[in-house]
Amino acid sequence: MTAGIWIGLGIFLFAVVAGTAWVGYQVVRSWKHLRGLTSLVGELGQLNQNVMDLQLRVTSVEGRVADLQRQVDGLSVTLARARVLSGAAREVRGTFESARGFLPTK
């Protein structure tokens, strides 16, 4: 009967030691994951800052694109006017050249 008690006590102590070791292992593992998580939170903060900087740059580029589009539109109007003036100059030159035939030459 005494041997059965010692065997039961040994199994109980083995279960307690194994359980404690398992809990300790899980605590260490969780601690490592938690440290990794805190560094991940820091990296996410940096990523968030980078996204905000990128958003400011995109906003700036959008403003520049709008200015450029206005300038391109103005240039298109100017080119259309230049085409009209060039056509008018050709008509005037053609008129003078046809009128030159009526003028006496030496």
Protein backbone atom coordinates (compact mmCIF):
# COMPACT_ATOMS: atom_id res chain seq x y z
CA MET A 1 0.00 0.00 0.00
CA THR A 2 2.84 2.36 0.73
CA ALA A 3 4.32 1.80 -2.74
CA GLY A 4 1.01 2.84 -4.34
CA ILE A 5 0.98 6.06 -2.34
CA TRP A 6 4.57 6.86 -3.40
CA ILE A 7 3.80 6.07 -7.02
CA GLY A 8 0.69 8.29 -6.88
CA LEU A 9 2.69 11.05 -5.18
CA GLY A 10 5.42 10.72 -7.84
CA ILE A 11 2.88 10.96 -10.66
CA PHE A 12 1.28 13.97 -8.96
CA LEU A 13 4.65 15.71 -8.55
CA PHE A 14 5.57 14.90 -12.17
CA ALA A 15 2.24 16.40 -13.31
CA VAL A 16 2.84 19.51 -11.18
CA VAL A 17 6.43 19.94 -12.47
CA ALA A 18 5.42 19.27 -16.09
CA GLY A 19 2.43 21.62 -15.81
CA THR A 20 4.60 24.34 -14.27
CA ALA A 21 7.20 23.89 -17.02
CA TRP A 22 4.50 24.06 -19.68
CA VAL A 23 2.98 27.21 -18.13
CA GLY A 24 6.46 28.76 -17.88
CA TYR A 25 7.15 27.94 -21.52
CA GLN A 26 3.84 29.50 -22.57
CA VAL A 27 4.58 32.63 -20.48
CA VAL A 28 8.01 33.06 -22.11
CA ARG A 29 6.52 32.49 -25.54
CA SER A 30 3.74 34.99 -24.86
CA TRP A 31 6.29 37.52 -23.58
CA LYS A 32 8.30 37.20 -26.81
CA HIS A 33 5.15 37.66 -28.85
CA LEU A 34 4.20 40.68 -26.76
CA ARG A 35 7.62 42.27 -27.30
CA GLY A 36 7.27 41.60 -31.01
CA LEU A 37 3.82 43.16 -30.88
CA THR A 38 5.11 46.33 -29.25
CA SER A 39 7.78 46.68 -31.93
CA LEU A 40 5.07 46.03 -34.51
CA VAL A 41 2.98 48.83 -32.99
CA GLY A 42 5.98 51.14 -33.33
CA GLU A 43 6.43 50.11 -36.94
CA LEU A 44 2.73 50.67 -37.58
CA GLY A 45 3.08 54.16 -36.12
CA GLN A 46 5.97 54.85 -38.48
CA LEU A 47 3.96 53.43 -41.37
CA ASN A 48 1.05 55.68 -40.43
CA GLN A 49 3.39 58.70 -40.42
CA ASN A 50 4.75 57.70 -43.83
CA VAL A 51 1.20 57.38 -45.18
CA MET A 52 0.35 60.85 -43.85
CA ASP A 53 3.49 62.27 -45.51
CA LEU A 54 2.54 60.53 -48.74
CA GLN A 55 -0.97 61.97 -48.51
CA LEU A 56 0.49 65.48 -48.18
CA ARG A 57 2.69 64.87 -51.20
CA VAL A 58 -0.26 63.58 -53.23
CA THR A 59 -2.29 66.65 -52.26
CA SER A 60 0.61 68.86 -53.33
CA VAL A 61 0.91 67.00 -56.64
CA GLU A 62 -2.84 67.30 -57.22
CA GLY A 63 -2.56 71.06 -56.73
CA ARG A 64 0.36 71.22 -59.16
CA VAL A 65 -1.56 69.12 -61.68
CA ALA A 66 -4.52 71.49 -61.41
CA ASP A 67 -2.20 74.47 -62.00
CA LEU A 68 -0.58 72.70 -64.92
CA GLN A 69 -3.97 71.88 -66.41
CA ARG A 70 -4.99 75.55 -66.18
CA GLN A 71 -1.74 76.53 -67.89
CA VAL A 72 -2.28 73.92 -70.62
CA ASP A 73 -5.81 75.22 -71.16
CA GLY A 74 -4.46 78.77 -71.43
CA LEU A 75 -1.81 77.58 -73.86
CA SER A 76 -4.47 75.87 -75.97
CA VAL A 77 -6.42 79.13 -76.15
CA THR A 78 -3.24 81.01 -77.06
CA LEU A 79 -2.40 78.48 -79.79
CA ALA A 80 -5.91 78.76 -81.21
CA ARG A 81 -5.54 82.55 -81.33
CA ALA A 82 -2.12 82.17 -82.96
CA ARG A 83 -3.63 79.91 -85.63
CA VAL A 84 -6.37 82.47 -86.30
CA LEU A 85 -3.81 85.29 -86.54
CA SER A 86 -1.57 83.18 -88.78
CA GLY A 87 -4.50 82.48 -91.08
CA ALA A 88 -5.39 86.15 -91.13
CA ALA A 89 -1.77 87.07 -91.90
CA ARG A 90 -1.78 84.59 -94.80
CA GLU A 91 -4.98 86.14 -96.13
CA VAL A 92 -3.50 89.62 -95.85
CA ARG A 93 -0.28 88.49 -97.54
CA GLY A 94 -2.31 86.86 -100.31
CA THR A 95 -4.32 90.05 -100.73
CA PHE A 96 -1.17 92.16 -101.01
CA GLU A 97 0.40 89.71 -103.45
CA SER A 98 -2.68 89.77 -105.66
CA ALA A 99 -2.84 93.57 -105.39
CA ARG A 100 0.85 93.80 -106.33
CA GLY A 101 -0.08 92.65 -109.79
CA PHE A 102 -2.15 95.82 -110.24
CA LEU A 103 0.66 98.14 -109.16
CA PRO A 104 3.04 99.39 -111.83
CA THR A 105 6.65 98.30 -111.57
CA LYS A 106 9.74 99.87 -113.09
